[in-house]
Amino acid sequence: MHPIKAAGLALLLLAGTAMARPLAAQEVPPPAQGLLQGAEAGDVACYLRIRDDANRSRSWMAEFEMCEKAGPLLGQRVALSWKPGRVPHPTCQGKPDCRRSQQVMLVTGMEAVRRP
């Protein structure tokens, strides 16, 4: 096989393998602290936008109550508490009578902290 075709096939196989792995295996560890950039209530959870110490910004699932707590904490550095929780499975597509769920890590607590 031609080297370029072989490299393309290898990349395709690797991409397929990464997509087949469970979501939890692909996730980066949740941050203990970060800058709270935003909060938005979604269909299955509250989504907190956090910038971590490596300056990466991403959304994390949180209990719905965290969206209510987020207002006065926006723009501040926060300490986050996490625990596993169940949310509706993406295949439910917002249907309230759907019984499928998935376990995810959820932000369950958040408080302002000062950097040393």
PDB file of N, CA and C in Angstrom:
ATOM      1  N   MET A   1       0.853  -1.176   0.000  1.00  0.00           N
ATOM      2  CA  MET A   1       0.000   0.000   0.000  1.00  0.00           C
ATOM      3  C   MET A   1       0.894   1.234   0.000  1.00  0.00           C
ATOM      4  N   HIS A   2       0.462   2.258  -0.692  1.00  0.00           N
ATOM      5  CA  HIS A   2       1.205   3.520  -0.771  1.00  0.00           C
ATOM      6  C   HIS A   2       1.289   4.136   0.619  1.00  0.00           C
ATOM      7  N   PRO A   3       2.469   4.704   1.013  1.00  0.00           N
ATOM      8  CA  PRO A   3       2.630   5.247   2.369  1.00  0.00           C
ATOM      9  C   PRO A   3       1.596   6.309   2.742  1.00  0.00           C
ATOM     10  N   ILE A   4       1.206   7.167   1.809  1.00  0.00           N
ATOM     11  CA  ILE A   4       0.221   8.210   2.121  1.00  0.00           C
ATOM     12  C   ILE A   4      -1.146   7.588   2.375  1.00  0.00           C
ATOM     13  N   LYS A   5      -1.523   6.601   1.559  1.00  0.00           N
ATOM     14  CA  LYS A   5      -2.804   5.927   1.786  1.00  0.00           C
ATOM     15  C   LYS A   5      -2.795   5.192   3.114  1.00  0.00           C
ATOM     16  N   ALA A   6      -1.668   4.560   3.445  1.00  0.00           N
ATOM     17  CA  ALA A   6      -1.554   3.829   4.710  1.00  0.00           C
ATOM     18  C   ALA A   6      -1.702   4.781   5.892  1.00  0.00           C
ATOM     19  N   ALA A   7      -1.069   5.964   5.792  1.00  0.00           N
ATOM     20  CA  ALA A   7      -1.170   6.951   6.879  1.00  0.00           C
ATOM     21  C   ALA A   7      -2.612   7.434   7.024  1.00  0.00           C
ATOM     22  N   GLY A   8      -3.283   7.682   5.895  1.00  0.00           N
ATOM     23  CA  GLY A   8      -4.679   8.116   5.948  1.00  0.00           C
ATOM     24  C   GLY A   8      -5.576   7.060   6.568  1.00  0.00           C
ATOM     25  N   LEU A   9      -5.344   5.793   6.218  1.00  0.00           N
ATOM     26  CA  LEU A   9      -6.121   4.690   6.779  1.00  0.00           C
ATOM     27  C   LEU A   9      -5.878   4.581   8.281  1.00  0.00           C
ATOM     28  N   ALA A  10      -4.609   4.746   8.698  1.00  0.00           N
ATOM     29  CA  ALA A  10      -4.291   4.681  10.124  1.00  0.00           C
ATOM     30  C   ALA A  10      -5.009   5.786  10.884  1.00  0.00           C
ATOM     31  N   LEU A  11      -5.036   7.008  10.337  1.00  0.00           N
ATOM     32  CA  LEU A  11      -5.739   8.114  10.997  1.00  0.00           C
ATOM     33  C   LEU A  11      -7.233   7.852  11.083  1.00  0.00           C
ATOM     34  N   LEU A  12      -7.796   7.297  10.014  1.00  0.00           N
ATOM     35  CA  LEU A  12      -9.218   6.979  10.012  1.00  0.00           C
ATOM     36  C   LEU A  12      -9.540   5.934  11.072  1.00  0.00           C
ATOM     37  N   LEU A  13      -8.694   4.924  11.193  1.00  0.00           N
ATOM     38  CA  LEU A  13      -8.909   3.887  12.204  1.00  0.00           C
ATOM     39  C   LEU A  13      -8.781   4.465  13.606  1.00  0.00           C
ATOM     40  N   LEU A  14      -7.783   5.331  13.813  1.00  0.00           N
ATOM     41  CA  LEU A  14      -7.628   5.951  15.119  1.00  0.00           C
ATOM     42  C   LEU A  14      -8.825   6.822  15.463  1.00  0.00           C
ATOM     43  N   ALA A  15      -9.318   7.579  14.525  1.00  0.00           N
ATOM     44  CA  ALA A  15     -10.488   8.429  14.763  1.00  0.00           C
ATOM     45  C   ALA A  15     -11.691   7.581  15.107  1.00  0.00           C
ATOM     46  N   GLY A  16     -11.887   6.488  14.403  1.00  0.00           N
ATOM     47  CA  GLY A  16     -13.006   5.591  14.688  1.00  0.00           C
ATOM     48  C   GLY A  16     -12.889   4.991  16.067  1.00  0.00           C
ATOM     49  N   THR A  17     -11.669   4.650  16.480  1.00  0.00           N
ATOM     50  CA  THR A  17     -11.450   4.080  17.809  1.00  0.00           C
ATOM     51  C   THR A  17     -11.777   5.109  18.877  1.00  0.00           C
ATOM     52  N   ALA A  18     -11.334   6.354  18.686  1.00  0.00           N
ATOM     53  CA  ALA A  18     -11.603   7.402  19.681  1.00  0.00           C
ATOM     54  C   ALA A  18     -13.095   7.659  19.801  1.00  0.00           C
ATOM     55  N   MET A  19     -13.804   7.612  18.694  1.00  0.00           N
ATOM     56  CA  MET A  19     -15.241   7.872  18.741  1.00  0.00           C
ATOM     57  C   MET A  19     -15.992   6.718  19.391  1.00  0.00           C
ATOM     58  N   ALA A  20     -15.446   5.508  19.316  1.00  0.00           N
ATOM     59  CA  ALA A  20     -16.131   4.349  19.869  1.00  0.00           C
ATOM     60  C   ALA A  20     -15.943   4.236  21.377  1.00  0.00           C
ATOM     61  N   ARG A  21     -14.930   4.905  21.932  1.00  0.00           N
ATOM     62  CA  ARG A  21     -14.689   4.831  23.364  1.00  0.00           C
ATOM     63  C   ARG A  21     -15.791   5.549  24.123  1.00  0.00           C
ATOM     64  N   PRO A  22     -16.089   5.100  25.352  1.00  0.00           N
ATOM     65  CA  PRO A  22     -17.082   5.811  26.163  1.00  0.00           C
ATOM     66  C   PRO A  22     -16.648   7.251  26.382  1.00  0.00           C
ATOM     67  N   LEU A  23     -17.616   8.139  26.491  1.00  0.00           N
ATOM     68  CA  LEU A  23     -17.348   9.557  26.668  1.00  0.00           C
ATOM     69  C   LEU A  23     -16.446   9.801  27.870  1.00  0.00           C
ATOM     70  N   ALA A  24     -16.674   9.085  28.959  1.00  0.00           N
ATOM     71  CA  ALA A  24     -15.883   9.290  30.172  1.00  0.00           C
ATOM     72  C   ALA A  24     -14.403   9.036  29.919  1.00  0.00           C
ATOM     73  N   ALA A  25     -14.072   8.117  29.029  1.00  0.00           N
ATOM     74  CA  ALA A  25     -12.676   7.806  28.746  1.00  0.00           C
ATOM     75  C   ALA A  25     -12.006   8.933  27.968  1.00  0.00           C
ATOM     76  N   GLN A  26     -12.774   9.781  27.314  1.00  0.00           N
ATOM     77  CA  GLN A  26     -12.215  10.861  26.513  1.00  0.00           C
ATOM     78  C   GLN A  26     -12.129  12.171  27.290  1.00  0.00           C
ATOM     79  N   GLU A  27     -12.798  12.267  28.396  1.00  0.00           N
ATOM     80  CA  GLU A  27     -12.873  13.510  29.147  1.00  0.00           C
ATOM     81  C   GLU A  27     -11.565  13.834  29.857  1.00  0.00           C
ATOM     82  N   VAL A  28     -11.297  15.124  29.993  1.00  0.00           N
ATOM     83  CA  VAL A  28     -10.204  15.583  30.836  1.00  0.00           C
ATOM     84  C   VAL A  28     -10.742  15.635  32.256  1.00  0.00           C
ATOM     85  N   PRO A  29      -9.884  15.511  33.248  1.00  0.00           N
ATOM     86  CA  PRO A  29     -10.382  15.553  34.630  1.00  0.00           C
ATOM     87  C   PRO A  29     -11.055  16.885  34.933  1.00  0.00           C
ATOM     88  N   PRO A  30     -12.123  16.868  35.707  1.00  0.00           N
ATOM     89  CA  PRO A  30     -12.799  18.126  36.047  1.00  0.00           C
ATOM     90  C   PRO A  30     -11.903  18.989  36.932  1.00  0.00           C
ATOM     91  N   PRO A  31     -11.919  20.301  36.726  1.00  0.00           N
ATOM     92  CA  PRO A  31     -11.063  21.182  37.526  1.00  0.00           C
ATOM     93  C   PRO A  31     -11.603  21.378  38.942  1.00  0.00           C
ATOM     94  N   ALA A  32     -10.694  21.538  39.889  1.00  0.00           N
ATOM     95  CA  ALA A  32     -11.085  21.832  41.268  1.00  0.00           C
ATOM     96  C   ALA A  32     -11.419  23.308  41.426  1.00  0.00           C
ATOM     97  N   GLN A  33     -10.779  24.155  40.595  1.00  0.00           N
ATOM     98  CA  GLN A  33     -11.014  25.596  40.628  1.00  0.00           C
ATOM     99  C   GLN A  33     -10.916  26.149  39.216  1.00  0.00           C
ATOM    100  N   GLY A  34     -11.460  27.325  39.014  1.00  0.00           N
ATOM    101  CA  GLY A  34     -11.346  27.990  37.729  1.00  0.00           C
ATOM    102  C   GLY A  34     -12.125  29.297  37.731  1.00  0.00           C
ATOM    103  N   LEU A  35     -12.003  30.020  36.630  1.00  0.00           N
ATOM    104  CA  LEU A  35     -12.713  31.281  36.470  1.00  0.00           C
ATOM    105  C   LEU A  35     -14.090  30.992  35.877  1.00  0.00           C
ATOM    106  N   LEU A  36     -15.140  31.410  36.573  1.00  0.00           N
ATOM    107  CA  LEU A  36     -16.507  31.196  36.093  1.00  0.00           C
ATOM    108  C   LEU A  36     -16.817  32.244  35.028  1.00  0.00           C
ATOM    109  N   GLN A  37     -16.964  31.790  33.787  1.00  0.00           N
ATOM    110  CA  GLN A  37     -17.197  32.699  32.668  1.00  0.00           C
ATOM    111  C   GLN A  37     -18.665  32.801  32.265  1.00  0.00           C
ATOM    112  N   GLY A  38     -19.455  31.797  32.600  1.00  0.00           N
ATOM    113  CA  GLY A  38     -20.858  31.837  32.218  1.00  0.00           C
ATOM    114  C   GLY A  38     -21.624  30.656  32.763  1.00  0.00           C
ATOM    115  N   ALA A  39     -22.946  30.746  32.703  1.00  0.00           N
ATOM    116  CA  ALA A  39     -23.831  29.682  33.149  1.00  0.00           C
ATOM    117  C   ALA A  39     -25.089  29.729  32.300  1.00  0.00           C
ATOM    118  N   GLU A  40     -25.534  28.556  31.860  1.00  0.00           N
ATOM    119  CA  GLU A  40     -26.721  28.483  31.022  1.00  0.00           C
ATOM    120  C   GLU A  40     -27.495  27.213  31.351  1.00  0.00           C
ATOM    121  N   ALA A  41     -28.786  27.348  31.577  1.00  0.00           N
ATOM    122  CA  ALA A  41     -29.640  26.192  31.834  1.00  0.00           C
ATOM    123  C   ALA A  41     -29.936  25.504  30.500  1.00  0.00           C
ATOM    124  N   GLY A  42     -29.680  24.198  30.456  1.00  0.00           N
ATOM    125  CA  GLY A  42     -29.956  23.409  29.269  1.00  0.00           C
ATOM    126  C   GLY A  42     -31.108  22.455  29.509  1.00  0.00           C
ATOM    127  N   ASP A  43     -31.304  21.527  28.588  1.00  0.00           N
ATOM    128  CA  ASP A  43     -32.389  20.554  28.712  1.00  0.00           C
ATOM    129  C   ASP A  43     -32.166  19.568  29.848  1.00  0.00           C
ATOM    130  N   VAL A  44     -30.911  19.158  30.067  1.00  0.00           N
ATOM    131  CA  VAL A  44     -30.655  18.098  31.035  1.00  0.00           C
ATOM    132  C   VAL A  44     -29.864  18.555  32.250  1.00  0.00           C
ATOM    133  N   ALA A  45     -29.226  19.721  32.162  1.00  0.00           N
ATOM    134  CA  ALA A  45     -28.392  20.202  33.268  1.00  0.00           C
ATOM    135  C   ALA A  45     -28.119  21.688  33.078  1.00  0.00           C
ATOM    136  N   CYS A  46     -27.505  22.268  34.087  1.00  0.00           N
ATOM    137  CA  CYS A  46     -26.950  23.611  33.976  1.00  0.00           C
ATOM    138  C   CYS A  46     -25.560  23.426  33.365  1.00  0.00           C
ATOM    139  N   TYR A  47     -25.159  24.330  32.491  1.00  0.00           N
ATOM    140  CA  TYR A  47     -23.832  24.246  31.880  1.00  0.00           C
ATOM    141  C   TYR A  47     -23.023  25.450  32.329  1.00  0.00           C
ATOM    142  N   LEU A  48     -21.916  25.169  33.042  1.00  0.00           N
ATOM    143  CA  LEU A  48     -21.041  26.217  33.536  1.00  0.00           C
ATOM    144  C   LEU A  48     -19.839  26.335  32.608  1.00  0.00           C
ATOM    145  N   ARG A  49     -19.512  27.544  32.196  1.00  0.00           N
ATOM    146  CA  ARG A  49     -18.332  27.796  31.372  1.00  0.00           C
ATOM    147  C   ARG A  49     -17.213  28.164  32.333  1.00  0.00           C
ATOM    148  N   ILE A  50     -16.165  27.306  32.380  1.00  0.00           N
ATOM    149  CA  ILE A  50     -15.055  27.469  33.320  1.00  0.00           C
ATOM    150  C   ILE A  50     -13.743  27.569  32.545  1.00  0.00           C
ATOM    151  N   ARG A  51     -12.913  28.559  32.900  1.00  0.00           N
ATOM    152  CA  ARG A  51     -11.549  28.621  32.356  1.00  0.00           C
ATOM    153  C   ARG A  51     -10.620  28.088  33.434  1.00  0.00           C
ATOM    154  N   ASP A  52      -9.890  27.010  33.104  1.00  0.00           N
ATOM    155  CA  ASP A  52      -9.033  26.359  34.097  1.00  0.00           C
ATOM    156  C   ASP A  52      -7.658  27.032  34.178  1.00  0.00           C
ATOM    157  N   ASP A  53      -6.782  26.495  35.027  1.00  0.00           N
ATOM    158  CA  ASP A  53      -5.462  27.083  35.251  1.00  0.00           C
ATOM    159  C   ASP A  53      -4.558  26.978  34.028  1.00  0.00           C
ATOM    160  N   ALA A  54      -4.879  26.087  33.088  1.00  0.00           N
ATOM    161  CA  ALA A  54      -4.110  25.966  31.842  1.00  0.00           C
ATOM    162  C   ALA A  54      -4.681  26.901  30.769  1.00  0.00           C
ATOM    163  N   ASN A  55      -5.592  27.789  31.160  1.00  0.00           N
ATOM    164  CA  ASN A  55      -6.230  28.773  30.275  1.00  0.00           C
ATOM    165  C   ASN A  55      -7.127  28.125  29.213  1.00  0.00           C
ATOM    166  N   ARG A  56      -7.633  26.913  29.505  1.00  0.00           N
ATOM    167  CA  ARG A  56      -8.597  26.255  28.612  1.00  0.00           C
ATOM    168  C   ARG A  56      -9.989  26.563  29.127  1.00  0.00           C
ATOM    169  N   SER A  57     -10.871  26.934  28.222  1.00  0.00           N
ATOM    170  CA  SER A  57     -12.243  27.253  28.575  1.00  0.00           C
ATOM    171  C   SER A  57     -13.152  26.177  27.999  1.00  0.00           C
ATOM    172  N   ARG A  58     -14.023  25.625  28.850  1.00  0.00           N
ATOM    173  CA  ARG A  58     -14.984  24.630  28.374  1.00  0.00           C
ATOM    174  C   ARG A  58     -16.194  24.595  29.284  1.00  0.00           C
ATOM    175  N   SER A  59     -17.262  23.970  28.786  1.00  0.00           N
ATOM    176  CA  SER A  59     -18.501  23.851  29.550  1.00  0.00           C
ATOM    177  C   SER A  59     -18.508  22.549  30.331  1.00  0.00           C
ATOM    178  N   TRP A  60     -19.051  22.627  31.546  1.00  0.00           N
ATOM    179  CA  TRP A  60     -19.187  21.458  32.409  1.00  0.00           C
ATOM    180  C   TRP A  60     -20.627  21.379  32.883  1.00  0.00           C
ATOM    181  N   MET A  61     -21.136  20.156  33.001  1.00  0.00           N
ATOM    182  CA  MET A  61     -22.500  19.958  33.508  1.00  0.00           C
ATOM    183  C   MET A  61     -22.535  20.202  35.009  1.00  0.00           C
ATOM    184  N   ALA A  62     -23.639  20.791  35.448  1.00  0.00           N
ATOM    185  CA  ALA A  62     -23.832  21.078  36.865  1.00  0.00           C
ATOM    186  C   ALA A  62     -25.294  20.859  37.214  1.00  0.00           C
ATOM    187  N   GLU A  63     -25.570  20.707  38.511  1.00  0.00           N
ATOM    188  CA  GLU A  63     -26.955  20.643  38.957  1.00  0.00           C
ATOM    189  C   GLU A  63     -27.620  21.972  38.587  1.00  0.00           C
ATOM    190  N   PHE A  64     -28.924  21.934  38.322  1.00  0.00           N
ATOM    191  CA  PHE A  64     -29.639  23.144  37.902  1.00  0.00           C
ATOM    192  C   PHE A  64     -29.493  24.295  38.905  1.00  0.00           C
ATOM    193  N   GLU A  65     -29.404  23.979  40.189  1.00  0.00           N
ATOM    194  CA  GLU A  65     -29.279  25.019  41.208  1.00  0.00           C
ATOM    195  C   GLU A  65     -28.019  25.858  41.023  1.00  0.00           C
ATOM    196  N   MET A  66     -27.001  25.285  40.391  1.00  0.00           N
ATOM    197  CA  MET A  66     -25.749  26.014  40.189  1.00  0.00           C
ATOM    198  C   MET A  66     -25.934  27.190  39.233  1.00  0.00           C
ATOM    199  N   CYS A  67     -26.883  27.102  38.314  1.00  0.00           N
ATOM    200  CA  CYS A  67     -27.165  28.231  37.420  1.00  0.00           C
ATOM    201  C   CYS A  67     -27.701  29.411  38.226  1.00  0.00           C
ATOM    202  N   GLU A  68     -28.522  29.116  39.230  1.00  0.00           N
ATOM    203  CA  GLU A  68     -29.068  30.174  40.082  1.00  0.00           C
ATOM    204  C   GLU A  68     -27.980  30.808  40.940  1.00  0.00           C
ATOM    205  N   LYS A  69     -27.019  29.987  41.408  1.00  0.00           N
ATOM    206  CA  LYS A  69     -25.931  30.480  42.244  1.00  0.00           C
ATOM    207  C   LYS A  69     -24.898  31.262  41.455  1.00  0.00           C
ATOM    208  N   ALA A  70     -24.825  31.039  40.148  1.00  0.00           N
ATOM    209  CA  ALA A  70     -23.738  31.559  39.326  1.00  0.00           C
ATOM    210  C   ALA A  70     -23.748  33.073  39.169  1.00  0.00           C
ATOM    211  N   GLY A  71     -24.921  33.695  39.149  1.00  0.00           N
ATOM    212  CA  GLY A  71     -25.023  35.132  38.866  1.00  0.00           C
ATOM    213  C   GLY A  71     -23.989  35.989  39.573  1.00  0.00           C
ATOM    214  N   PRO A  72     -23.974  36.009  40.901  1.00  0.00           N
ATOM    215  CA  PRO A  72     -23.024  36.883  41.596  1.00  0.00           C
ATOM    216  C   PRO A  72     -21.570  36.410  41.506  1.00  0.00           C
ATOM    217  N   LEU A  73     -21.352  35.184  41.038  1.00  0.00           N
ATOM    218  CA  LEU A  73     -19.993  34.645  40.964  1.00  0.00           C
ATOM    219  C   LEU A  73     -19.357  34.792  39.581  1.00  0.00           C
ATOM    220  N   LEU A  74     -20.124  35.270  38.592  1.00  0.00           N
ATOM    221  CA  LEU A  74     -19.579  35.410  37.239  1.00  0.00           C
ATOM    222  C   LEU A  74     -18.352  36.313  37.241  1.00  0.00           C
ATOM    223  N   GLY A  75     -17.314  35.870  36.540  1.00  0.00           N
ATOM    224  CA  GLY A  75     -16.077  36.629  36.460  1.00  0.00           C
ATOM    225  C   GLY A  75     -15.146  36.401  37.629  1.00  0.00           C
ATOM    226  N   GLN A  76     -15.549  35.569  38.583  1.00  0.00           N
ATOM    227  CA  GLN A  76     -14.722  35.289  39.757  1.00  0.00           C
ATOM    228  C   GLN A  76     -14.115  33.895  39.679  1.00  0.00           C
ATOM    229  N   ARG A  77     -13.033  33.719  40.420  1.00  0.00           N
ATOM    230  CA  ARG A  77     -12.438  32.402  40.563  1.00  0.00           C
ATOM    231  C   ARG A  77     -13.275  31.636  41.587  1.00  0.00           C
ATOM    232  N   VAL A  78     -13.629  30.393  41.247  1.00  0.00           N
ATOM    233  CA  VAL A  78     -14.482  29.588  42.122  1.00  0.00           C
ATOM    234  C   VAL A  78     -13.854  28.228  42.396  1.00  0.00           C
ATOM    235  N   ALA A  79     -14.135  27.704  43.577  1.00  0.00           N
ATOM    236  CA  ALA A  79     -13.805  26.321  43.921  1.00  0.00           C
ATOM    237  C   ALA A  79     -15.038  25.493  43.602  1.00  0.00           C
ATOM    238  N   LEU A  80     -14.839  24.339  42.991  1.00  0.00           N
ATOM    239  CA  LEU A  80     -15.948  23.500  42.538  1.00  0.00           C
ATOM    240  C   LEU A  80     -15.994  22.187  43.304  1.00  0.00           C
ATOM    241  N   SER A  81     -17.188  21.766  43.662  1.00  0.00           N
ATOM    242  CA  SER A  81     -17.416  20.444  44.259  1.00  0.00           C
ATOM    243  C   SER A  81     -18.101  19.595  43.203  1.00  0.00           C
ATOM    244  N   TRP A  82     -17.684  18.331  43.097  1.00  0.00           N
ATOM    245  CA  TRP A  82     -18.192  17.413  42.073  1.00  0.00           C
ATOM    246  C   TRP A  82     -18.713  16.138  42.701  1.00  0.00           C
ATOM    247  N   LYS A  83     -19.695  15.522  42.031  1.00  0.00           N
ATOM    248  CA  LYS A  83     -20.096  14.157  42.382  1.00  0.00           C
ATOM    249  C   LYS A  83     -20.835  13.563  41.186  1.00  0.00           C
ATOM    250  N   PRO A  84     -20.837  12.234  41.092  1.00  0.00           N
ATOM    251  CA  PRO A  84     -21.558  11.590  39.984  1.00  0.00           C
ATOM    252  C   PRO A  84     -23.060  11.827  40.124  1.00  0.00           C
ATOM    253  N   GLY A  85     -23.712  12.007  38.998  1.00  0.00           N
ATOM    254  CA  GLY A  85     -25.159  12.185  38.979  1.00  0.00           C
ATOM    255  C   GLY A  85     -25.730  11.634  37.682  1.00  0.00           C
ATOM    256  N   ARG A  86     -27.030  11.470  37.633  1.00  0.00           N
ATOM    257  CA  ARG A  86     -27.698  10.937  36.451  1.00  0.00           C
ATOM    258  C   ARG A  86     -28.458  12.051  35.739  1.00  0.00           C
ATOM    259  N   VAL A  87     -28.331  12.057  34.417  1.00  0.00           N
ATOM    260  CA  VAL A  87     -29.050  13.016  33.576  1.00  0.00           C
ATOM    261  C   VAL A  87     -29.702  12.236  32.446  1.00  0.00           C
ATOM    262  N   PRO A  88     -30.740  12.787  31.822  1.00  0.00           N
ATOM    263  CA  PRO A  88     -31.362  12.091  30.693  1.00  0.00           C
ATOM    264  C   PRO A  88     -30.336  11.806  29.587  1.00  0.00           C
ATOM    265  N   HIS A  89     -30.474  10.658  28.956  1.00  0.00           N
ATOM    266  CA  HIS A  89     -29.583  10.246  27.872  1.00  0.00           C
ATOM    267  C   HIS A  89     -29.828  11.133  26.643  1.00  0.00           C
ATOM    268  N   PRO A  90     -28.770  11.445  25.863  1.00  0.00           N
ATOM    269  CA  PRO A  90     -28.957  12.298  24.681  1.00  0.00           C
ATOM    270  C   PRO A  90     -29.999  11.772  23.693  1.00  0.00           C
ATOM    271  N   THR A  91     -30.210  10.461  23.648  1.00  0.00           N
ATOM    272  CA  THR A  91     -31.205   9.911  22.728  1.00  0.00           C
ATOM    273  C   THR A  91     -32.632  10.274  23.137  1.00  0.00           C
ATOM    274  N   CYS A  92     -32.827  10.746  24.367  1.00  0.00           N
ATOM    275  CA  CYS A  92     -34.164  11.159  24.813  1.00  0.00           C
ATOM    276  C   CYS A  92     -34.620  12.424  24.097  1.00  0.00           C
ATOM    277  N   GLN A  93     -33.710  13.227  23.637  1.00  0.00           N
ATOM    278  CA  GLN A  93     -33.997  14.445  22.890  1.00  0.00           C
ATOM    279  C   GLN A  93     -35.057  15.320  23.556  1.00  0.00           C
ATOM    280  N   GLY A  94     -34.952  15.462  24.879  1.00  0.00           N
ATOM    281  CA  GLY A  94     -35.846  16.353  25.610  1.00  0.00           C
ATOM    282  C   GLY A  94     -37.222  15.791  25.932  1.00  0.00           C
ATOM    283  N   LYS A  95     -37.483  14.532  25.589  1.00  0.00           N
ATOM    284  CA  LYS A  95     -38.796  13.941  25.890  1.00  0.00           C
ATOM    285  C   LYS A  95     -38.886  13.634  27.386  1.00  0.00           C
ATOM    286  N   PRO A  96     -39.860  14.220  28.096  1.00  0.00           N
ATOM    287  CA  PRO A  96     -39.949  14.027  29.549  1.00  0.00           C
ATOM    288  C   PRO A  96     -40.280  12.596  29.972  1.00  0.00           C
ATOM    289  N   ASP A  97     -40.916  11.803  29.120  1.00  0.00           N
ATOM    290  CA  ASP A  97     -41.285  10.441  29.507  1.00  0.00           C
ATOM    291  C   ASP A  97     -40.189   9.418  29.186  1.00  0.00           C
ATOM    292  N   CYS A  98     -39.059   9.847  28.660  1.00  0.00           N
ATOM    293  CA  CYS A  98     -37.954   8.951  28.330  1.00  0.00           C
ATOM    294  C   CYS A  98     -37.299   8.449  29.616  1.00  0.00           C
ATOM    295  N   ARG A  99     -37.043   7.160  29.694  1.00  0.00           N
ATOM    296  CA  ARG A  99     -36.476   6.572  30.907  1.00  0.00           C
ATOM    297  C   ARG A  99     -34.975   6.326  30.825  1.00  0.00           C
ATOM    298  N   ARG A 100     -34.370   6.534  29.668  1.00  0.00           N
ATOM    299  CA  ARG A 100     -32.928   6.314  29.531  1.00  0.00           C
ATOM    300  C   ARG A 100     -32.168   7.444  30.211  1.00  0.00           C
ATOM    301  N   SER A 101     -31.062   7.099  30.848  1.00  0.00           N
ATOM    302  CA  SER A 101     -30.236   8.109  31.495  1.00  0.00           C
ATOM    303  C   SER A 101     -28.773   7.706  31.382  1.00  0.00           C
ATOM    304  N   GLN A 102     -27.907   8.626  31.738  1.00  0.00           N
ATOM    305  CA  GLN A 102     -26.478   8.334  31.762  1.00  0.00           C
ATOM    306  C   GLN A 102     -25.879   8.966  32.997  1.00  0.00           C
ATOM    307  N   GLN A 103     -24.800   8.359  33.487  1.00  0.00           N
ATOM    308  CA  GLN A 103     -24.129   8.900  34.663  1.00  0.00           C
ATOM    309  C   GLN A 103     -23.006   9.820  34.198  1.00  0.00           C
ATOM    310  N   VAL A 104     -22.945  11.011  34.791  1.00  0.00           N
ATOM    311  CA  VAL A 104     -21.927  12.008  34.464  1.00  0.00           C
ATOM    312  C   VAL A 104     -21.441  12.657  35.767  1.00  0.00           C
ATOM    313  N   MET A 105     -20.313  13.338  35.691  1.00  0.00           N
ATOM    314  CA  MET A 105     -19.848  14.127  36.831  1.00  0.00           C
ATOM    315  C   MET A 105     -20.536  15.485  36.761  1.00  0.00           C
ATOM    316  N   LEU A 106     -21.118  15.899  37.879  1.00  0.00           N
ATOM    317  CA  LEU A 106     -21.843  17.171  37.960  1.00  0.00           C
ATOM    318  C   LEU A 106     -21.212  18.083  39.006  1.00  0.00           C
ATOM    319  N   VAL A 107     -21.167  19.370  38.709  1.00  0.00           N
ATOM    320  CA  VAL A 107     -20.795  20.351  39.724  1.00  0.00           C
ATOM    321  C   VAL A 107     -21.975  20.427  40.682  1.00  0.00           C
ATOM    322  N   THR A 108     -21.702  20.207  41.969  1.00  0.00           N
ATOM    323  CA  THR A 108     -22.763  20.230  42.982  1.00  0.00           C
ATOM    324  C   THR A 108     -22.585  21.361  43.962  1.00  0.00           C
ATOM    325  N   GLY A 109     -21.448  22.043  43.914  1.00  0.00           N
ATOM    326  CA  GLY A 109     -21.188  23.162  44.803  1.00  0.00           C
ATOM    327  C   GLY A 109     -20.168  24.103  44.186  1.00  0.00           C
ATOM    328  N   MET A 110     -20.255  25.377  44.564  1.00  0.00           N
ATOM    329  CA  MET A 110     -19.354  26.374  43.986  1.00  0.00           C
ATOM    330  C   MET A 110     -19.284  27.548  44.946  1.00  0.00           C
ATOM    331  N   GLU A 111     -18.051  27.987  45.235  1.00  0.00           N
ATOM    332  CA  GLU A 111     -17.886  29.176  46.080  1.00  0.00           C
ATOM    333  C   GLU A 111     -16.682  29.977  45.610  1.00  0.00           C
ATOM    334  N   ALA A 112     -16.744  31.275  45.827  1.00  0.00           N
ATOM    335  CA  ALA A 112     -15.669  32.178  45.407  1.00  0.00           C
ATOM    336  C   ALA A 112     -14.411  31.915  46.233  1.00  0.00           C
ATOM    337  N   VAL A 113     -13.267  31.979  45.558  1.00  0.00           N
ATOM    338  CA  VAL A 113     -11.971  31.848  46.239  1.00  0.00           C
ATOM    339  C   VAL A 113     -11.068  32.983  45.748  1.00  0.00           C
ATOM    340  N   ARG A 114     -10.113  33.309  46.567  1.00  0.00           N
ATOM    341  CA  ARG A 114      -9.125  34.315  46.181  1.00  0.00           C
ATOM    342  C   ARG A 114      -7.819  33.600  45.875  1.00  0.00           C
ATOM    343  N   ARG A 115      -7.162  34.065  44.822  1.00  0.00           N
ATOM    344  CA  ARG A 115      -5.851  33.504  44.482  1.00  0.00           C
ATOM    345  C   ARG A 115      -4.839  33.999  45.507  1.00  0.00           C
ATOM    346  N   PRO A 116      -3.883  33.127  45.881  1.00  0.00           N
ATOM    347  CA  PRO A 116      -2.864  33.560  46.867  1.00  0.00           C
ATOM    348  C   PRO A 116      -1.948  34.627  46.323  1.00  0.00           C
TER     349      PRO A 116
END
